[in-house]
C-alpha atoms as a PDB file:
ATOM      1  CA  MET A   1     -74.312 -97.795 158.684  1.00  0.00           C
ATOM      2  CA  ARG A   2     -77.516 -99.635 160.473  1.00  0.00           C
ATOM      3  CA  ASP A   3     -77.446 -98.847 164.722  1.00  0.00           C
ATOM      4  CA  PRO A   4     -75.445-101.651 165.970  1.00  0.00           C
ATOM      5  CA  ILE A   5     -76.503-104.771 168.065  1.00  0.00           C
ATOM      6  CA  VAL A   6     -74.320-104.538 171.516  1.00  0.00           C
ATOM      7  CA  VAL A   7     -73.423-107.524 173.332  1.00  0.00           C
ATOM      8  CA  GLY A   8     -72.206-107.778 176.719  1.00  0.00           C
ATOM      9  CA  VAL A   9     -69.721-110.523 177.448  1.00  0.00           C
ATOM     10  CA  ASP A  10     -68.222-111.638 180.238  1.00  0.00           C
ATOM     11  CA  GLY A  11     -66.772-115.353 179.505  1.00  0.00           C
ATOM     12  CA  SER A  12     -69.438-117.414 180.786  1.00  0.00           C
ATOM     13  CA  GLN A  13     -70.935-119.692 178.555  1.00  0.00           C
ATOM     14  CA  VAL A  14     -74.588-118.170 178.755  1.00  0.00           C
ATOM     15  CA  SER A  15     -72.760-115.329 177.485  1.00  0.00           C
ATOM     16  CA  LEU A  16     -71.033-116.554 174.411  1.00  0.00           C
ATOM     17  CA  GLU A  17     -74.835-118.040 173.680  1.00  0.00           C
ATOM     18  CA  ALA A  18     -75.826-114.599 174.030  1.00  0.00           C
ATOM     19  CA  ALA A  19     -72.964-113.287 171.275  1.00  0.00           C
ATOM     20  CA  GLU A  20     -74.458-115.847 169.099  1.00  0.00           C
ATOM     21  CA  TRP A  21     -77.935-115.231 169.448  1.00  0.00           C
ATOM     22  CA  ALA A  22     -76.718-111.546 169.021  1.00  0.00           C
ATOM     23  CA  GLY A  23     -75.054-112.748 165.660  1.00  0.00           C
ATOM     24  CA  ARG A  24     -78.206-114.501 164.287  1.00  0.00           C
ATOM     25  CA  GLU A  25     -80.131-111.076 164.935  1.00  0.00           C
ATOM     26  CA  ALA A  26     -77.490-109.029 163.054  1.00  0.00           C
ATOM     27  CA  ALA A  27     -77.916-110.957 159.843  1.00  0.00           C
ATOM     28  CA  LEU A  28     -81.568-110.910 159.948  1.00  0.00           C
ATOM     29  CA  ARG A  29     -81.435-106.557 160.490  1.00  0.00           C
ATOM     30  CA  GLY A  30     -78.447-106.179 158.543  1.00  0.00           C
ATOM     31  CA  ALA A  31     -76.915-104.725 161.319  1.00  0.00           C
ATOM     32  CA  PRO A  32     -73.359-104.764 163.155  1.00  0.00           C
ATOM     33  CA  VAL A  33     -72.424-106.236 166.526  1.00  0.00           C
ATOM     34  CA  ARG A  34     -70.494-104.379 168.793  1.00  0.00           C
ATOM     35  CA  ILE A  35     -69.214-106.998 171.623  1.00  0.00           C
ATOM     36  CA  VAL A  36     -68.536-105.007 175.250  1.00  0.00           C
ATOM     37  CA  HIS A  37     -66.594-106.956 177.986  1.00  0.00           C
ATOM     38  CA  VAL A  38     -66.815-104.789 180.988  1.00  0.00           C
ATOM     39  CA  THR A  39     -63.866-105.057 183.717  1.00  0.00           C
ATOM     40  CA  PRO A  40     -65.254-104.191 187.065  1.00  0.00           C
ATOM     41  CA  GLN A  41     -63.935-101.681 189.154  1.00  0.00           C
ATOM     42  CA  TRP A  42     -63.604-101.982 193.274  1.00  0.00           C
ATOM     43  CA  ALA A  43     -66.213-100.110 195.207  1.00  0.00           C
ATOM     44  CA  TYR A  44     -64.131 -99.188 198.190  1.00  0.00           C
ATOM     45  CA  HIS A  45     -60.413 -98.338 198.249  1.00  0.00           C
ATOM     46  CA  VAL A  46     -59.043-100.177 200.865  1.00  0.00           C
ATOM     47  CA  PRO A  47     -54.783 -98.451 201.515  1.00  0.00           C
ATOM     48  CA  LEU A  48     -53.950-101.658 204.040  1.00  0.00           C
ATOM     49  CA  ALA A  49     -54.931-104.404 201.446  1.00  0.00           C
ATOM     50  CA  PRO A  50     -53.466-104.513 197.615  1.00  0.00           C
ATOM     51  CA  GLN A  51     -55.007-103.779 194.841  1.00  0.00           C
ATOM     52  CA  PRO A  52     -55.118-106.340 192.559  1.00  0.00           C
ATOM     53  CA  SER A  53     -53.744-105.904 189.276  1.00  0.00           C
ATOM     54  CA  ARG A  54     -56.816-106.554 186.546  1.00  0.00           C
ATOM     55  CA  TRP A  55     -53.855-105.985 183.523  1.00  0.00           C
ATOM     56  CA  SER A  56     -51.787-108.422 184.037  1.00  0.00           C
ATOM     57  CA  PRO A  57     -50.047-110.174 180.909  1.00  0.00           C
ATOM     58  CA  GLU A  58     -51.889-113.245 181.672  1.00  0.00           C
ATOM     59  CA  ARG A  59     -55.207-111.120 182.058  1.00  0.00           C
ATOM     60  CA  ALA A  60     -54.954-109.132 179.211  1.00  0.00           C
ATOM     61  CA  GLU A  61     -54.616-112.298 176.938  1.00  0.00           C
ATOM     62  CA  ALA A  62     -57.374-113.920 178.750  1.00  0.00           C
ATOM     63  CA  VAL A  63     -59.939-111.080 178.119  1.00  0.00           C
ATOM     64  CA  GLU A  64     -58.398-110.938 174.349  1.00  0.00           C
ATOM     65  CA  GLU A  65     -58.867-114.519 173.920  1.00  0.00           C
ATOM     66  CA  LEU A  66     -62.833-114.090 175.237  1.00  0.00           C
ATOM     67  CA  LEU A  67     -63.178-111.420 173.062  1.00  0.00           C
ATOM     68  CA  GLN A  68     -62.007-113.660 170.328  1.00  0.00           C
ATOM     69  CA  ARG A  69     -64.328-116.530 171.165  1.00  0.00           C
ATOM     70  CA  ALA A  70     -67.227-114.181 171.438  1.00  0.00           C
ATOM     71  CA  ALA A  71     -66.720-112.720 167.654  1.00  0.00           C
ATOM     72  CA  ASN A  72     -66.605-115.978 166.544  1.00  0.00           C
ATOM     73  CA  GLN A  73     -69.631-117.122 168.267  1.00  0.00           C
ATOM     74  CA  VAL A  74     -71.105-113.972 166.054  1.00  0.00           C
ATOM     75  CA  ARG A  75     -69.615-114.703 162.814  1.00  0.00           C
ATOM     76  CA  ALA A  76     -70.553-118.593 163.134  1.00  0.00           C
ATOM     77  CA  GLY A  77     -72.783-119.208 159.862  1.00  0.00           C
ATOM     78  CA  HIS A  78     -72.863-115.434 159.724  1.00  0.00           C
ATOM     79  CA  PRO A  79     -69.313-114.337 158.362  1.00  0.00           C
ATOM     80  CA  ASP A  80     -70.812-111.401 157.013  1.00  0.00           C
ATOM     81  CA  VAL A  81     -71.849-109.729 160.238  1.00  0.00           C
ATOM     82  CA  ARG A  82     -69.311-106.966 161.198  1.00  0.00           C
ATOM     83  CA  VAL A  83     -68.173-106.994 164.395  1.00  0.00           C
ATOM     84  CA  THR A  84     -66.082-104.503 166.747  1.00  0.00           C
ATOM     85  CA  THR A  85     -65.039-105.024 170.301  1.00  0.00           C
ATOM     86  CA  GLU A  86     -64.377-102.717 173.048  1.00  0.00           C
ATOM     87  CA  ILE A  87     -63.156-103.374 176.595  1.00  0.00           C
ATOM     88  CA  LEU A  88     -64.795-101.108 178.993  1.00  0.00           C
ATOM     89  CA  ASP A  89     -64.248 -99.880 182.918  1.00  0.00           C
ATOM     90  CA  GLY A  90     -66.472 -99.611 185.507  1.00  0.00           C
ATOM     91  CA  GLY A  91     -70.123-100.972 186.772  1.00  0.00           C
ATOM     92  CA  ALA A  92     -71.350-103.381 184.600  1.00  0.00           C
ATOM     93  CA  GLY A  93     -75.200-102.679 184.227  1.00  0.00           C
ATOM     94  CA  GLU A  94     -74.728 -98.668 184.361  1.00  0.00           C
ATOM     95  CA  THR A  95     -71.790 -99.658 181.757  1.00  0.00           C
ATOM     96  CA  LEU A  96     -73.931-101.318 179.606  1.00  0.00           C
ATOM     97  CA  VAL A  97     -76.934 -99.485 179.650  1.00  0.00           C
ATOM     98  CA  ALA A  98     -74.391 -95.831 178.401  1.00  0.00           C
ATOM     99  CA  ASN A  99     -73.371 -97.623 175.670  1.00  0.00           C
ATOM    100  CA  ALA A 100     -76.526 -99.393 174.807  1.00  0.00           C
ATOM    101  CA  GLU A 101     -77.456 -95.583 173.599  1.00  0.00           C
ATOM    102  CA  GLY A 102     -78.151 -95.467 169.750  1.00  0.00           C
ATOM    103  CA  ALA A 103     -78.086 -99.377 169.477  1.00  0.00           C
ATOM    104  CA  GLN A 104     -80.787-101.547 168.078  1.00  0.00           C
ATOM    105  CA  LEU A 105     -80.870-103.943 171.143  1.00  0.00           C
ATOM    106  CA  LEU A 106     -78.668-104.738 174.002  1.00  0.00           C
ATOM    107  CA  VAL A 107     -78.120-108.735 174.819  1.00  0.00           C
ATOM    108  CA  VAL A 108     -76.827-110.162 177.321  1.00  0.00           C
ATOM    109  CA  GLY A 109     -76.791-113.601 179.099  1.00  0.00           C
ATOM    110  CA  ASN A 110     -79.102-114.448 182.174  1.00  0.00           C
ATOM    111  CA  ARG A 111     -76.441-114.848 184.550  1.00  0.00           C
ATOM    112  CA  GLY A 112     -72.742-114.720 185.516  1.00  0.00           C
ATOM    113  CA  ARG A 113     -69.935-117.038 186.011  1.00  0.00           C
ATOM    114  CA  GLY A 114     -70.967-119.445 189.052  1.00  0.00           C
ATOM    115  CA  GLY A 115     -70.844-118.245 192.820  1.00  0.00           C
ATOM    116  CA  PHE A 116     -71.135-114.603 193.730  1.00  0.00           C
ATOM    117  CA  ALA A 117     -70.727-113.596 190.087  1.00  0.00           C
ATOM    118  CA  GLU A 118     -73.683-115.401 188.787  1.00  0.00           C
ATOM    119  CA  LEU A 119     -76.056-113.292 191.775  1.00  0.00           C
ATOM    120  CA  LEU A 120     -74.225-110.626 190.656  1.00  0.00           C
ATOM    121  CA  LEU A 121     -74.301-110.707 187.163  1.00  0.00           C
ATOM    122  CA  GLY A 122     -78.151-111.897 187.254  1.00  0.00           C
ATOM    123  CA  SER A 123     -79.083-108.516 188.924  1.00  0.00           C
ATOM    124  CA  VAL A 124     -76.906-107.203 185.935  1.00  0.00           C
ATOM    125  CA  SER A 125     -79.220-108.598 183.395  1.00  0.00           C
ATOM    126  CA  ARG A 126     -82.543-107.191 185.944  1.00  0.00           C
ATOM    127  CA  TYR A 127     -80.871-103.619 185.524  1.00  0.00           C
ATOM    128  CA  VAL A 128     -80.188-103.159 181.871  1.00  0.00           C
ATOM    129  CA  ALA A 129     -83.559-104.704 181.131  1.00  0.00           C
ATOM    130  CA  SER A 130     -85.281-102.019 183.594  1.00  0.00           C
ATOM    131  CA  ARG A 131     -83.277 -98.803 182.259  1.00  0.00           C
ATOM    132  CA  ALA A 132     -81.672 -99.816 178.925  1.00  0.00           C
ATOM    133  CA  PRO A 133     -82.866 -97.015 176.236  1.00  0.00           C
ATOM    134  CA  CYS A 134     -83.421 -99.906 173.813  1.00  0.00           C
ATOM    135  CA  PRO A 135     -85.176-103.303 174.306  1.00  0.00           C
ATOM    136  CA  VAL A 136     -82.825-105.784 175.753  1.00  0.00           C
ATOM    137  CA  VAL A 137     -82.739-109.637 174.886  1.00  0.00           C
ATOM    138  CA  ILE A 138     -81.757-111.870 177.854  1.00  0.00           C
ATOM    139  CA  VAL A 139     -80.543-115.165 176.619  1.00  0.00           C
ATOM    140  CA  ARG A 140     -80.761-118.368 178.651  1.00  0.00           C
ATOM    141  CA  GLU A 141     -79.920-122.136 178.353  1.00  0.00           C
ATOM    142  CA  PRO A 142     -79.320-123.153 174.653  1.00  0.00           C
ATOM    143  CA  HIS A 143     -82.131-123.249 172.906  1.00  0.00           C
ATOM    144  CA  GLU A 144     -81.992-124.938 170.067  1.00  0.00           C
ATOM    145  CA  GLN A 145     -85.779-125.506 169.130  1.00  0.00           C
ATOM    146  CA  ARG A 146     -86.297-123.408 166.338  1.00  0.00           C
ATOM    147  CA  ARG A 147     -90.064-123.713 165.905  1.00  0.00           C
ATOM    148  CA  GLY A 148     -90.976-119.989 163.404  1.00  0.00           C
ATOM    149  CA  GLU A 149     -92.979-118.622 166.620  1.00  0.00           C
ATOM    150  CA  ILE A 150     -92.752-115.957 168.538  1.00  0.00           C
ATOM    151  CA  VAL A 151     -94.698-114.713 171.424  1.00  0.00           C
ATOM    152  CA  ALA A 152     -95.899-111.085 173.079  1.00  0.00           C
ATOM    153  CA  GLY A 153     -97.776-110.624 176.038  1.00  0.00           C
ATOM    154  CA  ILE A 154    -100.053-107.883 175.972  1.00  0.00           C
ATOM    155  CA  THR A 155    -102.263-106.232 178.352  1.00  0.00           C
ATOM    156  CA  GLY A 156    -104.909-104.590 176.282  1.00  0.00           C
ATOM    157  CA  LEU A 157    -104.295-101.121 177.456  1.00  0.00           C
ATOM    158  CA  ALA A 158    -103.321 -98.210 175.799  1.00  0.00           C
ATOM    159  CA  ASP A 159     -99.276 -98.366 175.920  1.00  0.00           C
ATOM    160  CA  GLN A 160     -98.756-101.233 174.138  1.00  0.00           C
ATOM    161  CA  ASP A 161     -97.420-100.278 170.849  1.00  0.00           C
ATOM    162  CA  ALA A 162     -93.897-100.429 171.766  1.00  0.00           C
ATOM    163  CA  VAL A 163     -94.651-104.296 172.668  1.00  0.00           C
ATOM    164  CA  LEU A 164     -96.308-104.848 169.080  1.00  0.00           C
ATOM    165  CA  GLU A 165     -94.100-102.519 167.103  1.00  0.00           C
ATOM    166  CA  PHE A 166     -91.144-105.336 168.265  1.00  0.00           C
ATOM    167  CA  ALA A 167     -92.991-108.120 167.919  1.00  0.00           C
ATOM    168  CA  PHE A 168     -94.660-107.781 164.460  1.00  0.00           C
ATOM    169  CA  ARG A 169     -91.251-106.334 163.337  1.00  0.00           C
ATOM    170  CA  GLU A 170     -89.513-109.266 164.533  1.00  0.00           C
ATOM    171  CA  ALA A 171     -92.013-111.746 162.955  1.00  0.00           C
ATOM    172  CA  GLU A 172     -91.728-110.115 159.769  1.00  0.00           C
ATOM    173  CA  LEU A 173     -87.774-110.364 159.787  1.00  0.00           C
ATOM    174  CA  ARG A 174     -88.056-114.257 160.883  1.00  0.00           C
ATOM    175  CA  GLY A 175     -90.957-115.080 158.635  1.00  0.00           C
ATOM    176  CA  ALA A 176     -92.469-116.274 161.806  1.00  0.00           C
ATOM    177  CA  VAL A 177     -95.546-116.825 163.308  1.00  0.00           C
ATOM    178  CA  LEU A 178     -96.741-114.169 165.835  1.00  0.00           C
ATOM    179  CA  ARG A 179     -98.767-115.292 168.837  1.00  0.00           C
ATOM    180  CA  VAL A 180     -99.933-112.273 170.726  1.00  0.00           C
ATOM    181  CA  LEU A 181    -100.964-113.456 173.979  1.00  0.00           C
ATOM    182  CA  HIS A 182    -103.513-112.066 176.988  1.00  0.00           C
ATOM    183  CA  ALA A 183    -103.881-113.674 179.951  1.00  0.00           C
ATOM    184  CA  TRP A 184    -106.405-112.269 182.776  1.00  0.00           C
ATOM    185  CA  THR A 185    -107.449-113.477 186.096  1.00  0.00           C
ATOM    186  CA  HIS A 186    -110.736-111.119 187.136  1.00  0.00           C
ATOM    187  CA  PRO A 187    -111.773-108.136 186.045  1.00  0.00           C
ATOM    188  CA  THR A 188    -110.120-105.271 186.745  1.00  0.00           C
ATOM    189  CA  SER A 189    -110.699-101.208 187.874  1.00  0.00           C
ATOM    190  CA  THR A 190    -110.926 -98.895 184.571  1.00  0.00           C
ATOM    191  CA  GLY A 191    -110.872 -96.244 186.931  1.00  0.00           C
ATOM    192  CA  PRO A 192    -111.599 -94.363 189.833  1.00  0.00           C
ATOM    193  CA  GLY A 193    -114.752 -95.037 191.177  1.00  0.00           C
ATOM    194  CA  ASP A 194    -115.456 -98.296 189.411  1.00  0.00           C
ATOM    195  CA  MET A 195    -116.742-100.895 191.394  1.00  0.00           C
ATOM    196  CA  LEU A 196    -115.967-104.673 190.792  1.00  0.00           C
ATOM    197  CA  PRO A 197    -118.932-107.376 190.954  1.00  0.00           C
ATOM    198  CA  ILE A 198    -118.715-109.878 193.552  1.00  0.00           C
ATOM    199  CA  VAL A 199    -119.997-112.461 191.166  1.00  0.00           C
ATOM    200  CA  TYR A 200    -119.134-112.241 187.629  1.00  0.00           C
ATOM    201  CA  ASP A 201    -119.922-114.219 184.448  1.00  0.00           C
ATOM    202  CA  VAL A 202    -116.545-115.549 183.582  1.00  0.00           C
ATOM    203  CA  GLU A 203    -117.350-116.300 179.851  1.00  0.00           C
ATOM    204  CA  ALA A 204    -118.596-112.898 179.249  1.00  0.00           C
ATOM    205  CA  VAL A 205    -115.360-111.465 180.951  1.00  0.00           C
ATOM    206  CA  GLY A 206    -113.544-114.079 178.491  1.00  0.00           C
ATOM    207  CA  GLN A 207    -115.513-112.358 175.680  1.00  0.00           C
ATOM    208  CA  GLU A 208    -114.619-109.026 176.121  1.00  0.00           C
ATOM    209  CA  GLU A 209    -110.960-109.658 176.831  1.00  0.00           C
ATOM    210  CA  GLU A 210    -111.105-111.151 173.263  1.00  0.00           C
ATOM    211  CA  THR A 211    -112.281-108.406 171.998  1.00  0.00           C
ATOM    212  CA  LEU A 212    -109.900-106.109 174.152  1.00  0.00           C
ATOM    213  CA  LEU A 213    -107.009-108.120 172.584  1.00  0.00           C
ATOM    214  CA  ALA A 214    -108.363-107.605 169.253  1.00  0.00           C
ATOM    215  CA  GLU A 215    -108.944-103.968 169.533  1.00  0.00           C
ATOM    216  CA  ALA A 216    -105.237-103.668 170.368  1.00  0.00           C
ATOM    217  CA  VAL A 217    -103.542-105.392 167.646  1.00  0.00           C
ATOM    218  CA  ALA A 218    -106.122-104.350 165.043  1.00  0.00           C
ATOM    219  CA  GLY A 219    -103.994-101.516 163.658  1.00  0.00           C
ATOM    220  CA  TRP A 220    -101.196-103.722 163.628  1.00  0.00           C
ATOM    221  CA  ARG A 221    -102.852-106.567 161.576  1.00  0.00           C
ATOM    222  CA  GLU A 222    -103.988-103.616 158.893  1.00  0.00           C
ATOM    223  CA  SER A 223    -100.020-102.584 158.626  1.00  0.00           C
ATOM    224  CA  ARG A 224     -98.525-105.790 158.442  1.00  0.00           C
ATOM    225  CA  PRO A 225    -100.565-108.087 156.657  1.00  0.00           C
ATOM    226  CA  ASP A 226     -97.973-110.363 155.821  1.00  0.00           C
ATOM    227  CA  VAL A 227     -97.098-111.450 159.306  1.00  0.00           C
ATOM    228  CA  ARG A 228     -99.056-114.715 160.555  1.00  0.00           C
ATOM    229  CA  LEU A 229    -100.871-113.476 163.647  1.00  0.00           C
ATOM    230  CA  VAL A 230    -102.296-116.034 166.502  1.00  0.00           C
ATOM    231  CA  GLN A 231    -104.550-114.223 169.263  1.00  0.00           C
ATOM    232  CA  GLN A 232    -105.159-116.302 171.989  1.00  0.00           C
ATOM    233  CA  VAL A 233    -106.784-114.926 175.319  1.00  0.00           C
ATOM    234  CA  VAL A 234    -106.589-117.221 178.288  1.00  0.00           C
ATOM    235  CA  ARG A 235    -107.614-117.119 181.794  1.00  0.00           C
ATOM    236  CA  GLU A 236    -104.424-117.345 183.671  1.00  0.00           C
ATOM    237  CA  HIS A 237    -102.057-115.029 185.386  1.00  0.00           C
ATOM    238  CA  PRO A 238    -100.137-113.217 182.827  1.00  0.00           C
ATOM    239  CA  ALA A 239     -96.358-114.352 184.210  1.00  0.00           C
ATOM    240  CA  LYS A 240     -97.446-118.149 184.655  1.00  0.00           C
ATOM    241  CA  ALA A 241     -99.166-118.107 180.825  1.00  0.00           C
ATOM    242  CA  LEU A 242     -95.841-116.354 179.208  1.00  0.00           C
ATOM    243  CA  ILE A 243     -93.516-118.618 181.310  1.00  0.00           C
ATOM    244  CA  GLU A 244     -95.199-121.703 179.712  1.00  0.00           C
ATOM    245  CA  ALA A 245     -95.524-120.080 176.369  1.00  0.00           C
ATOM    246  CA  SER A 246     -92.059-119.468 176.328  1.00  0.00           C
ATOM    247  CA  ALA A 247     -90.946-123.183 176.132  1.00  0.00           C
ATOM    248  CA  LYS A 248     -92.629-123.315 172.562  1.00  0.00           C
ATOM    249  CA  HIS A 249     -91.627-119.960 170.935  1.00  0.00           C
ATOM    250  CA  ASP A 250     -88.128-119.106 169.926  1.00  0.00           C
ATOM    251  CA  LEU A 251     -88.690-115.896 172.062  1.00  0.00           C
ATOM    252  CA  THR A 252     -90.854-114.502 174.270  1.00  0.00           C
ATOM    253  CA  ILE A 253     -91.295-110.469 174.146  1.00  0.00           C
ATOM    254  CA  VAL A 254     -92.638-108.811 177.312  1.00  0.00           C
ATOM    255  CA  GLY A 255     -93.564-104.442 178.268  1.00  0.00           C
ATOM    256  CA  ALA A 256     -91.833-103.146 181.056  1.00  0.00           C
ATOM    257  CA  HIS A 257     -91.873 -99.688 182.138  1.00  0.00           C
ATOM    258  CA  GLY A 258     -88.583 -99.949 184.335  1.00  0.00           C
ATOM    259  CA  GLY A 259     -86.593 -97.339 185.854  1.00  0.00           C
ATOM    260  CA  GLY A 260     -87.518 -98.401 189.518  1.00  0.00           C
ATOM    261  CA  ARG A 261     -84.719 -99.055 192.007  1.00  0.00           C
ATOM    262  CA  SER A 262     -86.119-102.490 193.662  1.00  0.00           C
ATOM    263  CA  LEU A 263     -85.578-105.935 192.857  1.00  0.00           C
ATOM    264  CA  LEU A 264     -88.991-106.153 191.107  1.00  0.00           C
ATOM    265  CA  GLY A 265     -88.431-102.967 189.161  1.00  0.00           C
ATOM    266  CA  LEU A 266     -89.332-104.364 186.340  1.00  0.00           C
ATOM    267  CA  GLY A 267     -92.904-104.953 187.336  1.00  0.00           C
ATOM    268  CA  PHE A 268     -93.819-108.564 188.768  1.00  0.00           C
ATOM    269  CA  VAL A 269     -94.607-109.782 185.197  1.00  0.00           C
ATOM    270  CA  ALA A 270     -91.285-108.841 183.047  1.00  0.00           C
ATOM    271  CA  HIS A 271     -89.538-109.803 186.494  1.00  0.00           C
ATOM    272  CA  ALA A 272     -90.649-113.211 186.719  1.00  0.00           C
ATOM    273  CA  VAL A 273     -90.834-114.128 183.385  1.00  0.00           C
ATOM    274  CA  VAL A 274     -87.286-112.650 182.723  1.00  0.00           C
ATOM    275  CA  HIS A 275     -86.163-114.914 185.576  1.00  0.00           C
ATOM    276  CA  HIS A 276     -87.833-118.265 185.042  1.00  0.00           C
ATOM    277  CA  ALA A 277     -88.540-118.385 180.805  1.00  0.00           C
ATOM    278  CA  ARG A 278     -87.487-121.579 179.263  1.00  0.00           C
ATOM    279  CA  GLY A 279     -85.736-119.423 176.215  1.00  0.00           C
ATOM    280  CA  PRO A 280     -84.582-115.851 175.234  1.00  0.00           C
ATOM    281  CA  VAL A 281     -86.892-113.243 176.624  1.00  0.00           C
ATOM    282  CA  ALA A 282     -87.096-109.133 175.161  1.00  0.00           C
ATOM    283  CA  VAL A 283     -88.104-106.745 177.470  1.00  0.00           C
ATOM    284  CA  VAL A 284     -89.208-103.561 175.438  1.00  0.00           C
ATOM    285  CA  ARG A 285     -89.439-100.097 177.606  1.00  0.00           C
ATOM    286  CA  LEU A 286     -93.207 -99.076 177.801  1.00  0.00           C
END
């Protein structure tokens, strides 16, 4: 059996959107879907306060209903996709990351239920994106415009193979056009002692950036000749360029080193895209 796609659900509408997205992706990949619902633990034991009963009959019924709705979303239009459900106990982020081991993808919504929980689960999406052992897809509000195009942000550095591999495979699976987008703002240092010019030729630098992108994708273009590829170089901040592109593409793909403990542990560009993109975002660890 193929490795599964794991999707985390919490009962919010956007988590059900994530389940539906996972179902479509599973049908493309011929993969099963594993739906996970994490019940939160109390961070502290307070002896003088009564601990809530998480597994009252009403609660158990509500969770089972949630899992059934999520399973129905996964199978919507894809009845042959194999679906399993599981209830896990623990911290949401840590538990999802642990259960993504061996998965093809981990899929979550960009936020949870309203109020404080929304902020908490927004932090969960950041947590899993920076620490999961597989690519993470963060699904936002309904994004029904199927344009048949996906976009991947490429820096031009030597560590982009994981992003390109994921992007080319997605384009193949979907029969979609792949746009590789490289954004630059000014010349950057290539190493210690590299002095940057105070004044530089914008057109010449732009041509150098186009060459950089062409070299980054050359091997992939040769090995995946059936993928329709568009190369685009823009003079713009990478986060702004990708956020704008996300509104016109079915999926936005960005690389991130991750692993940091700070709010910006993903890196500034990936963090900004995850929070402000106008459609699903795939975060690929570098």
